[in-house]
Structure formats: C-alpha cells, structure tokens
Amino acid sequence: MNAWGEDERIHVDVMQANAPALFPRPDGSPVPEAGGLRLSRWSMDVNGGGRAGRVRQTWLSELRGDFPRIDERFTGQP
C-alpha cells in the first residue's frame, strides 16, 4: 500500500493475513479461513549494526479489509 524510509529503517504498510486463504498448502490440503486481511506495518533495519535485516511487524488496525489505496500524492511519505 505504501512504503517510506526514515533514518536507518524502511517502513512498509501492507494488508496481511495469517494464511493465504485462496491457495492450498504444499501438500494440497485446504487452508482454513484466514480471517480476513488487516493493515500491518513491516519495519526493517537497514543499517542497525548487528540488527541489519531485522523485521518488526505491527498490526495497525483490527478492521478487516483488502486492496486498500492511498491518495497517490502521499506515496512514499509516512
């Protein structure tokens, strides 16, 4: 949905589910209902000393949704 850099971090806001409900598992068994997508932020350290590459995930909302969109004038901004 959106991403931006801040200091030594990259933040990415995405819609995230617990499991991909539309696709089966590798063994062919169905995936139970994933419960819908929720807005999540992935924050990645890019120059954090020994922590480079570390990703922190934070839920931003409990509301369910899919395919969000932002005003394109604000793309790449927090």
C-alpha atoms as a PDB file:
ATOM      1  CA  MET A   1       0.000   0.000   0.000  1.00  0.00           C
ATOM      2  CA  ASN A   2       2.802   2.420   0.899  1.00  0.00           C
ATOM      3  CA  ALA A   3       6.469   2.472   1.895  1.00  0.00           C
ATOM      4  CA  TRP A   4       8.974   5.090   3.040  1.00  0.00           C
ATOM      5  CA  GLY A   5      12.427   5.406   4.548  1.00  0.00           C
ATOM      6  CA  GLU A   6      13.151   7.014   7.900  1.00  0.00           C
ATOM      7  CA  ASP A   7      16.650   7.203   9.389  1.00  0.00           C
ATOM      8  CA  GLU A   8      18.017   3.641   9.150  1.00  0.00           C
ATOM      9  CA  ARG A   9      14.624   1.978   8.658  1.00  0.00           C
ATOM     10  CA  ILE A  10      12.269   1.177   5.833  1.00  0.00           C
ATOM     11  CA  HIS A  11       8.572   1.023   6.712  1.00  0.00           C
ATOM     12  CA  VAL A  12       6.056  -0.814   4.535  1.00  0.00           C
ATOM     13  CA  ASP A  13       2.292  -0.724   5.158  1.00  0.00           C
ATOM     14  CA  VAL A  14       0.580  -3.837   3.791  1.00  0.00           C
ATOM     15  CA  MET A  15      -2.591  -5.871   4.152  1.00  0.00           C
ATOM     16  CA  GLN A  16      -1.625  -9.108   5.899  1.00  0.00           C
ATOM     17  CA  ALA A  17      -3.453 -12.369   6.623  1.00  0.00           C
ATOM     18  CA  ASN A  18      -2.463 -15.264   8.855  1.00  0.00           C
ATOM     19  CA  ALA A  19      -2.575 -17.603   5.857  1.00  0.00           C
ATOM     20  CA  PRO A  20      -3.215 -17.289   2.105  1.00  0.00           C
ATOM     21  CA  ALA A  21      -6.870 -18.378   2.070  1.00  0.00           C
ATOM     22  CA  LEU A  22      -7.080 -18.695  -1.723  1.00  0.00           C
ATOM     23  CA  PHE A  23      -4.214 -21.162  -2.099  1.00  0.00           C
ATOM     24  CA  PRO A  24      -3.818 -24.719  -0.746  1.00  0.00           C
ATOM     25  CA  ARG A  25      -0.894 -25.836   1.414  1.00  0.00           C
ATOM     26  CA  PRO A  26       2.061 -27.522  -0.346  1.00  0.00           C
ATOM     27  CA  ASP A  27       0.552 -30.961   0.391  1.00  0.00           C
ATOM     28  CA  GLY A  28      -2.712 -29.938  -1.339  1.00  0.00           C
ATOM     29  CA  SER A  29      -4.820 -29.624   1.815  1.00  0.00           C
ATOM     30  CA  PRO A  30      -7.047 -26.540   2.074  1.00  0.00           C
ATOM     31  CA  VAL A  31      -6.135 -23.613   4.297  1.00  0.00           C
ATOM     32  CA  PRO A  32      -8.794 -22.731   6.880  1.00  0.00           C
ATOM     33  CA  GLU A  33     -10.382 -19.302   6.609  1.00  0.00           C
ATOM     34  CA  ALA A  34      -7.612 -16.762   7.177  1.00  0.00           C
ATOM     35  CA  GLY A  35      -9.972 -14.372   8.963  1.00  0.00           C
ATOM     36  CA  GLY A  36      -9.542 -11.529   6.507  1.00  0.00           C
ATOM     37  CA  LEU A  37      -6.762  -9.107   5.897  1.00  0.00           C
ATOM     38  CA  ARG A  38      -5.659  -6.486   8.426  1.00  0.00           C
ATOM     39  CA  LEU A  39      -3.475  -3.432   7.993  1.00  0.00           C
ATOM     40  CA  SER A  40       0.062  -4.121   9.171  1.00  0.00           C
ATOM     41  CA  ARG A  41       3.389  -2.268   9.165  1.00  0.00           C
ATOM     42  CA  TRP A  42       6.674  -4.021   8.475  1.00  0.00           C
ATOM     43  CA  SER A  43       9.686  -2.038   9.739  1.00  0.00           C
ATOM     44  CA  MET A  44      13.133  -3.157   8.595  1.00  0.00           C
ATOM     45  CA  ASP A  45      16.511  -2.060   9.935  1.00  0.00           C
ATOM     46  CA  VAL A  46      18.899  -1.475   7.033  1.00  0.00           C
ATOM     47  CA  ASN A  47      21.970  -0.250   8.941  1.00  0.00           C
ATOM     48  CA  GLY A  48      21.336  -1.340  12.503  1.00  0.00           C
ATOM     49  CA  GLY A  49      24.767  -2.649  13.417  1.00  0.00           C
ATOM     50  CA  GLY A  50      24.242  -6.347  14.134  1.00  0.00           C
ATOM     51  CA  ARG A  51      20.482  -5.961  13.596  1.00  0.00           C
ATOM     52  CA  ALA A  52      20.585  -5.188   9.867  1.00  0.00           C
ATOM     53  CA  GLY A  53      17.830  -7.028   8.041  1.00  0.00           C
ATOM     54  CA  ARG A  54      15.694  -7.446  11.152  1.00  0.00           C
ATOM     55  CA  VAL A  55      11.954  -7.021  10.502  1.00  0.00           C
ATOM     56  CA  ARG A  56       9.380  -5.917  13.076  1.00  0.00           C
ATOM     57  CA  GLN A  57       5.676  -6.420  12.316  1.00  0.00           C
ATOM     58  CA  THR A  58       2.975  -4.261  13.955  1.00  0.00           C
ATOM     59  CA  TRP A  59      -0.797  -4.515  13.494  1.00  0.00           C
ATOM     60  CA  LEU A  60      -2.207  -1.036  12.739  1.00  0.00           C
ATOM     61  CA  SER A  61      -5.914  -1.878  12.847  1.00  0.00           C
ATOM     62  CA  GLU A  62      -8.283  -4.648  13.839  1.00  0.00           C
ATOM     63  CA  LEU A  63     -10.642  -3.747  10.979  1.00  0.00           C
ATOM     64  CA  ARG A  64     -10.734  -6.307   8.169  1.00  0.00           C
ATOM     65  CA  GLY A  65     -10.319  -5.247   4.568  1.00  0.00           C
ATOM     66  CA  ASP A  66      -8.469  -5.797   1.314  1.00  0.00           C
ATOM     67  CA  PHE A  67      -6.891  -3.866  -1.564  1.00  0.00           C
ATOM     68  CA  PRO A  68      -6.505  -0.517   0.220  1.00  0.00           C
ATOM     69  CA  ARG A  69      -5.412   2.587  -1.589  1.00  0.00           C
ATOM     70  CA  ILE A  70      -3.912   5.879  -0.502  1.00  0.00           C
ATOM     71  CA  ASP A  71      -4.013   9.300  -2.102  1.00  0.00           C
ATOM     72  CA  GLU A  72      -1.157   9.000  -4.623  1.00  0.00           C
ATOM     73  CA  ARG A  73       0.095  12.497  -3.744  1.00  0.00           C
ATOM     74  CA  PHE A  74       1.301  10.979  -0.452  1.00  0.00           C
ATOM     75  CA  THR A  75       3.064   7.903  -1.879  1.00  0.00           C
ATOM     76  CA  GLY A  76       6.409   7.332  -0.179  1.00  0.00           C
ATOM     77  CA  GLN A  77       5.564   9.534   2.805  1.00  0.00           C
ATOM     78  CA  PRO A  78       4.773   8.409   6.365  1.00  0.00           C
END
